[in-house]
C-alpha cells in the first residue's frame, strides 16, 4: 500500500507529465512608441521574474529592433495570464501557437 508521500509524488509526476503534453503558445511583445525601454524591462521583470535582467533587456531590444519578440512559451492558460498581466502594465502583447 502506497504511503501518502508516495501518492503525492505520483500525483505531482502526473501533473508534470500533463503540463508537458499541453499545446504551447508564445507570448509576443510588440514594439510601441509609448513606453521607454527601461519601463518595458521593468514590466517584464515584475511579471515574469524568471527572465532575469539580461533576458528582459534582450527581449525588449529585440522587440524594439524587429517589431516583436517572443517573451516565453508555455501552455495557453498560463500564456493568457501573463499576456493579460503585461497588458495591464500597458505593454502590447499577444499570444500565438508555438
N, C-alpha and C. Protein backbone atom coordinates (compact mmCIF):
# COMPACT_ATOMS: atom_id res chain seq x y z
N UNK A 1 0.83 -1.18 0.00
CA UNK A 1 0.00 0.00 0.00
C UNK A 1 0.88 1.25 0.00
N UNK A 2 0.56 2.20 -0.87
CA UNK A 2 1.36 3.42 -1.02
C UNK A 2 1.14 4.35 0.16
N UNK A 3 2.21 4.98 0.59
CA UNK A 3 2.09 5.97 1.66
C UNK A 3 1.58 7.28 1.07
N UNK A 4 1.21 8.19 1.94
CA UNK A 4 0.70 9.49 1.49
C UNK A 4 1.78 10.23 0.69
N UNK A 5 3.02 10.12 1.12
CA UNK A 5 4.14 10.77 0.42
C UNK A 5 4.32 10.19 -0.98
N UNK A 6 4.21 8.87 -1.10
CA UNK A 6 4.33 8.23 -2.40
C UNK A 6 3.18 8.63 -3.32
N UNK A 7 1.97 8.72 -2.77
CA UNK A 7 0.82 9.15 -3.56
C UNK A 7 1.01 10.58 -4.06
N UNK A 8 1.55 11.44 -3.21
CA UNK A 8 1.79 12.83 -3.58
C UNK A 8 2.80 12.90 -4.73
N UNK A 9 3.84 12.09 -4.68
CA UNK A 9 4.85 12.06 -5.74
C UNK A 9 4.22 11.60 -7.05
N UNK A 10 3.38 10.57 -6.98
CA UNK A 10 2.70 10.07 -8.19
C UNK A 10 1.81 11.16 -8.79
N UNK A 11 1.08 11.87 -7.95
CA UNK A 11 0.21 12.96 -8.43
C UNK A 11 1.03 14.07 -9.06
N UNK A 12 2.12 14.45 -8.42
CA UNK A 12 2.99 15.51 -8.97
C UNK A 12 3.59 15.10 -10.30
N UNK A 13 4.02 13.86 -10.43
CA UNK A 13 4.57 13.38 -11.69
C UNK A 13 3.52 13.40 -12.79
N UNK A 14 2.28 13.03 -12.44
CA UNK A 14 1.19 13.06 -13.41
C UNK A 14 0.92 14.49 -13.87
N UNK A 15 0.90 15.43 -12.96
CA UNK A 15 0.67 16.83 -13.30
C UNK A 15 1.76 17.35 -14.23
N UNK A 16 2.99 17.06 -13.90
CA UNK A 16 4.12 17.49 -14.75
C UNK A 16 4.01 16.88 -16.13
N UNK A 17 3.68 15.59 -16.20
CA UNK A 17 3.53 14.91 -17.49
C UNK A 17 2.43 15.56 -18.32
N UNK A 18 1.31 15.88 -17.69
CA UNK A 18 0.19 16.53 -18.40
C UNK A 18 0.58 17.92 -18.88
N UNK A 19 1.29 18.69 -18.05
CA UNK A 19 1.70 20.03 -18.45
C UNK A 19 2.65 19.98 -19.65
N UNK A 20 3.49 18.98 -19.69
CA UNK A 20 4.45 18.86 -20.80
C UNK A 20 3.76 18.50 -22.11
N UNK A 21 2.58 17.88 -22.05
CA UNK A 21 1.90 17.47 -23.27
C UNK A 21 0.89 18.51 -23.77
N UNK A 22 0.62 19.55 -22.99
CA UNK A 22 -0.32 20.59 -23.43
C UNK A 22 0.27 21.38 -24.59
N UNK A 23 -0.58 21.82 -25.53
CA UNK A 23 -0.08 22.66 -26.63
C UNK A 23 0.57 23.94 -26.08
N UNK A 24 1.63 24.37 -26.70
CA UNK A 24 2.38 25.54 -26.23
C UNK A 24 2.01 26.78 -27.05
N UNK A 25 2.10 27.93 -26.39
CA UNK A 25 1.82 29.23 -27.01
C UNK A 25 2.95 30.19 -26.68
N UNK A 26 3.29 31.01 -27.68
CA UNK A 26 4.28 32.07 -27.46
C UNK A 26 3.57 33.30 -26.92
N UNK A 27 4.21 33.97 -25.96
CA UNK A 27 3.78 35.30 -25.56
C UNK A 27 4.65 36.25 -26.36
N UNK A 28 4.02 37.14 -27.14
CA UNK A 28 4.74 38.03 -28.03
C UNK A 28 4.66 39.47 -27.50
N UNK A 29 5.81 40.12 -27.40
CA UNK A 29 5.88 41.54 -27.07
C UNK A 29 6.02 42.31 -28.37
N UNK A 30 5.13 43.28 -28.57
CA UNK A 30 5.19 44.13 -29.76
C UNK A 30 5.79 45.48 -29.39
N UNK A 31 6.58 46.03 -30.29
CA UNK A 31 7.18 47.33 -30.05
C UNK A 31 6.10 48.40 -30.05
N UNK A 32 6.30 49.41 -29.22
CA UNK A 32 5.42 50.58 -29.25
C UNK A 32 6.26 51.83 -29.03
N UNK A 33 5.69 52.94 -29.37
CA UNK A 33 6.41 54.21 -29.24
C UNK A 33 6.01 54.96 -27.97
N UNK A 34 5.24 54.32 -27.10
CA UNK A 34 4.73 54.99 -25.91
C UNK A 34 5.66 54.83 -24.72
N UNK A 35 6.13 53.61 -24.49
CA UNK A 35 6.91 53.31 -23.29
C UNK A 35 8.40 53.35 -23.57
N UNK A 36 9.16 53.86 -22.61
CA UNK A 36 10.61 53.85 -22.79
C UNK A 36 11.15 52.45 -22.47
N UNK A 37 12.38 52.22 -22.87
CA UNK A 37 12.97 50.89 -22.77
C UNK A 37 13.06 50.39 -21.33
N UNK A 38 13.41 51.26 -20.41
CA UNK A 38 13.53 50.84 -19.01
C UNK A 38 12.18 50.43 -18.42
N UNK A 39 11.11 51.13 -18.83
CA UNK A 39 9.78 50.76 -18.36
C UNK A 39 9.43 49.35 -18.84
N UNK A 40 9.73 49.05 -20.09
CA UNK A 40 9.42 47.74 -20.65
C UNK A 40 10.20 46.65 -19.91
N UNK A 41 11.48 46.88 -19.69
CA UNK A 41 12.31 45.90 -18.96
C UNK A 41 11.75 45.69 -17.55
N UNK A 42 11.40 46.77 -16.87
CA UNK A 42 10.86 46.66 -15.51
C UNK A 42 9.54 45.89 -15.51
N UNK A 43 8.66 46.16 -16.46
CA UNK A 43 7.38 45.47 -16.54
C UNK A 43 7.59 43.98 -16.79
N UNK A 44 8.53 43.63 -17.65
CA UNK A 44 8.83 42.23 -17.91
C UNK A 44 9.34 41.54 -16.65
N UNK A 45 10.25 42.20 -15.95
CA UNK A 45 10.83 41.62 -14.74
C UNK A 45 9.79 41.46 -13.63
N UNK A 46 8.89 42.42 -13.50
CA UNK A 46 7.86 42.34 -12.47
C UNK A 46 6.86 41.22 -12.77
N UNK A 47 6.63 40.95 -14.03
CA UNK A 47 5.61 39.98 -14.41
C UNK A 47 6.17 38.57 -14.54
N UNK A 48 7.29 38.44 -15.21
CA UNK A 48 7.90 37.12 -15.43
C UNK A 48 9.29 37.15 -14.82
N UNK A 49 9.35 36.92 -13.53
CA UNK A 49 10.60 37.09 -12.79
C UNK A 49 11.71 36.14 -13.23
N UNK A 50 11.35 35.03 -13.84
CA UNK A 50 12.37 34.06 -14.25
C UNK A 50 13.22 34.56 -15.42
N UNK A 51 12.81 35.66 -16.07
CA UNK A 51 13.58 36.18 -17.21
C UNK A 51 14.95 36.68 -16.79
N UNK A 52 15.06 37.32 -15.66
CA UNK A 52 16.30 37.96 -15.25
C UNK A 52 16.51 39.23 -16.04
N UNK A 53 17.38 40.09 -15.55
CA UNK A 53 17.61 41.39 -16.20
C UNK A 53 18.11 41.27 -17.63
N UNK A 54 19.08 40.41 -17.83
CA UNK A 54 19.65 40.26 -19.18
C UNK A 54 18.60 39.74 -20.15
N UNK A 55 17.80 38.77 -19.72
CA UNK A 55 16.76 38.22 -20.58
C UNK A 55 15.70 39.25 -20.92
N UNK A 56 15.25 40.01 -19.92
CA UNK A 56 14.24 41.04 -20.13
C UNK A 56 14.78 42.12 -21.07
N UNK A 57 16.04 42.50 -20.89
CA UNK A 57 16.64 43.52 -21.75
C UNK A 57 16.74 43.02 -23.19
N UNK A 58 17.14 41.77 -23.36
CA UNK A 58 17.27 41.20 -24.70
C UNK A 58 15.92 41.15 -25.42
N UNK A 59 14.87 40.76 -24.70
CA UNK A 59 13.52 40.72 -25.29
C UNK A 59 13.07 42.12 -25.69
N UNK A 60 13.25 43.09 -24.79
CA UNK A 60 12.88 44.47 -25.09
C UNK A 60 13.62 44.97 -26.33
N UNK A 61 14.91 44.72 -26.40
CA UNK A 61 15.72 45.20 -27.51
C UNK A 61 15.31 44.53 -28.83
N UNK A 62 15.03 43.24 -28.79
CA UNK A 62 14.60 42.54 -30.00
C UNK A 62 13.27 43.10 -30.50
N UNK A 63 12.33 43.36 -29.59
CA UNK A 63 11.04 43.94 -29.99
C UNK A 63 11.24 45.34 -30.56
N UNK A 64 12.15 46.09 -29.97
CA UNK A 64 12.43 47.45 -30.45
C UNK A 64 13.03 47.43 -31.85
N UNK A 65 13.93 46.50 -32.09
CA UNK A 65 14.64 46.46 -33.37
C UNK A 65 13.85 45.78 -34.49
N UNK A 66 13.07 44.76 -34.14
CA UNK A 66 12.40 43.98 -35.19
C UNK A 66 10.88 44.12 -35.20
N UNK A 67 10.33 44.78 -34.18
CA UNK A 67 8.89 44.97 -34.12
C UNK A 67 8.17 44.03 -33.18
N UNK A 68 8.78 42.87 -32.89
CA UNK A 68 8.19 41.95 -31.92
C UNK A 68 9.24 40.96 -31.45
N UNK A 69 8.95 40.35 -30.29
CA UNK A 69 9.86 39.37 -29.71
C UNK A 69 9.07 38.37 -28.89
N UNK A 70 9.53 37.12 -28.90
CA UNK A 70 8.92 36.09 -28.07
C UNK A 70 9.44 36.27 -26.65
N UNK A 71 8.50 36.43 -25.71
CA UNK A 71 8.87 36.56 -24.30
C UNK A 71 9.08 35.18 -23.69
N UNK A 72 8.13 34.29 -23.91
CA UNK A 72 8.19 32.95 -23.33
C UNK A 72 7.23 32.04 -24.08
N UNK A 73 7.37 30.75 -23.88
CA UNK A 73 6.49 29.76 -24.48
C UNK A 73 5.98 28.86 -23.37
N UNK A 74 4.65 28.68 -23.31
CA UNK A 74 4.04 27.93 -22.21
C UNK A 74 2.63 27.49 -22.60
N UNK A 75 1.97 26.69 -21.75
CA UNK A 75 0.59 26.31 -22.04
C UNK A 75 -0.32 27.54 -22.16
N UNK A 76 -1.40 27.39 -22.92
CA UNK A 76 -2.27 28.51 -23.28
C UNK A 76 -2.77 29.31 -22.07
N UNK A 77 -3.32 28.65 -21.07
CA UNK A 77 -3.87 29.38 -19.92
C UNK A 77 -2.82 30.22 -19.23
N UNK A 78 -1.63 29.68 -19.07
CA UNK A 78 -0.55 30.42 -18.43
C UNK A 78 -0.12 31.58 -19.32
N UNK A 79 -0.02 31.35 -20.62
CA UNK A 79 0.34 32.41 -21.56
C UNK A 79 -0.70 33.53 -21.53
N UNK A 80 -1.98 33.17 -21.49
CA UNK A 80 -3.04 34.18 -21.43
C UNK A 80 -2.94 35.00 -20.14
N UNK A 81 -2.62 34.34 -19.05
CA UNK A 81 -2.47 35.06 -17.78
C UNK A 81 -1.36 36.09 -17.86
N UNK A 82 -0.16 35.67 -18.28
CA UNK A 82 0.97 36.59 -18.35
C UNK A 82 0.73 37.69 -19.39
N UNK A 83 0.12 37.34 -20.49
CA UNK A 83 -0.20 38.33 -21.52
C UNK A 83 -1.12 39.40 -20.92
N UNK A 84 -2.13 38.99 -20.17
CA UNK A 84 -3.04 39.93 -19.52
C UNK A 84 -2.33 40.80 -18.50
N UNK A 85 -1.44 40.22 -17.73
CA UNK A 85 -0.69 40.99 -16.73
C UNK A 85 0.18 42.06 -17.40
N UNK A 86 0.83 41.69 -18.51
CA UNK A 86 1.65 42.66 -19.23
C UNK A 86 0.79 43.75 -19.87
N UNK A 87 -0.36 43.38 -20.37
CA UNK A 87 -1.28 44.37 -20.93
C UNK A 87 -1.75 45.35 -19.85
N UNK A 88 -1.99 44.83 -18.65
CA UNK A 88 -2.39 45.69 -17.54
C UNK A 88 -1.31 46.72 -17.21
N UNK A 89 -0.07 46.39 -17.52
CA UNK A 89 1.03 47.34 -17.32
C UNK A 89 1.21 48.27 -18.51
N UNK A 90 0.38 48.10 -19.53
CA UNK A 90 0.41 48.98 -20.68
C UNK A 90 1.19 48.47 -21.88
N UNK A 91 1.73 47.26 -21.80
CA UNK A 91 2.51 46.73 -22.92
C UNK A 91 1.59 46.04 -23.92
N UNK A 92 1.95 46.14 -25.19
CA UNK A 92 1.19 45.48 -26.26
C UNK A 92 1.73 44.07 -26.41
N UNK A 93 0.92 43.09 -25.99
CA UNK A 93 1.33 41.69 -26.07
C UNK A 93 0.20 40.87 -26.66
N UNK A 94 0.57 39.77 -27.30
CA UNK A 94 -0.39 38.81 -27.85
C UNK A 94 0.14 37.42 -27.57
N UNK A 95 -0.70 36.41 -27.83
CA UNK A 95 -0.23 35.03 -27.81
C UNK A 95 -0.53 34.40 -29.15
N UNK A 96 0.29 33.42 -29.50
CA UNK A 96 0.07 32.68 -30.74
C UNK A 96 0.61 31.27 -30.55
N UNK A 97 0.04 30.29 -31.27
CA UNK A 97 0.53 28.92 -31.13
C UNK A 97 2.02 28.82 -31.46
N UNK A 98 2.71 28.00 -30.68
CA UNK A 98 4.15 27.83 -30.90
C UNK A 98 4.41 26.94 -32.09
